[in-house]
Amino acid sequence: MSDTSLAAQEPAFRRIGILARRELVWVVLFGAVVLLAAASPNFLTSANLLNILRQVSIVGILAVGVVIVVVAGNFDLSVGATLTLAAVISLQMQPTDAGRTVLSLALPLVLGLVVGVMNGLIVGRLRANSIIVTVGSQFVVIGCVLLYVAGQHVRVDGATPFYVAISAGYLLGIPIPIYLFLGIVAVGHFLMRYTLFGRFVRAIGGNAEAARLVGVPVARYVALTYMLSGAAAAVSGIVLASRVRNLDPTVGIGYEFSALTAVVLGGASLTGGRGNVPHTLAGVLLLGVISNGMRLFGLSFNLQLLVQGIILITAVAIDARGKAAGR
């Protein structure tokens, strides 16, 4: 091969390398799928793939809200508690007829927005540390839930078919939670990619003070990010309640870290300004594929938690190293 042809191919190889680094989470996801498909004949069955998507739908919906907050340069560690609140209230409304079913869907959403507004106002207007604020609101919300139900399980018997279908229904052979998950992914991507809201959120995450100086209403948009996160957590809680219909009042604790792991795997910067919903989707799917593979090989849930923790620490370390190399 001549030097000229090698020189012509070099930019193409460079572009491929840049694309591979930018889409690294999708590359890793593809590699994990190929490895598990080769190791287990049951992995690539349609039933198992649909099961993966259904299982990750709750964390996936949660992660869409979390990534929006993270891109704005903040954290929301209260989403697990908000999910719990929404799930408990949804069941406490006893959706056994049409009116109660509407209430069991509307009230959790309202409460999710209320928690989001509370977090957003404190972080946005008072410029308080988002980690401290949302950990504090996590305790407040869980405390309120435990007081409300006196620490007892909540359940519903005879729920309406519509309520049950939220988690157990099918449309064209695909579980309803998958449609909800992918629909929220699409809405989140549209908001972050094609609207003024998304541009302002990135600007705030990149440099909040600079954004404020050019006229961006920072406090308002920070509050909006938390409202969206609270709403997403409430939807996740409703789906979980519809699926289980008999809940421990602390069921959602820990979901926030699964969502944050997916966000970090998707390449979002923990200091803000970088991240997107499609890459978060890939991060959610990667967690789901790994967890499913471990179950196929009979590994314990405790080991799955260990692996998820290792994945989160590794992803954060890679993000920190990338920032250090860029300085």
Foldseek 3Di string as FASTA:
>chain_A
DDPVVVVVCVVVVVVVVVVCVLLVLVVVLVVLLVVLVVVDVPCPDPVNVLVLLLVLLLLLLLLLLQLLLQQLQAGALQLLLLLLLLLQQLLVLQQQDDVSNVVNQPVSLVVLLVLLLQLLLCCQVVVDHSVVSNVVVNVVSLVVLCVVVVQAKGFHPNHDPVLLQCRVNDDPRHRNSSVVSVVSLVVSQCCLPPDPLNVLSLVSLVPVVVSVVVPRSRSVSSSVSSSSSSSSSSSSSSNVSSPPRIDRSSVSNPSSLLSVLLQLSLPRASRHNDGGSVSSVSSSSSLSSVVSSCVVVPHDPVVSVVVSVVSSVVSNVVSVVVVVVVD
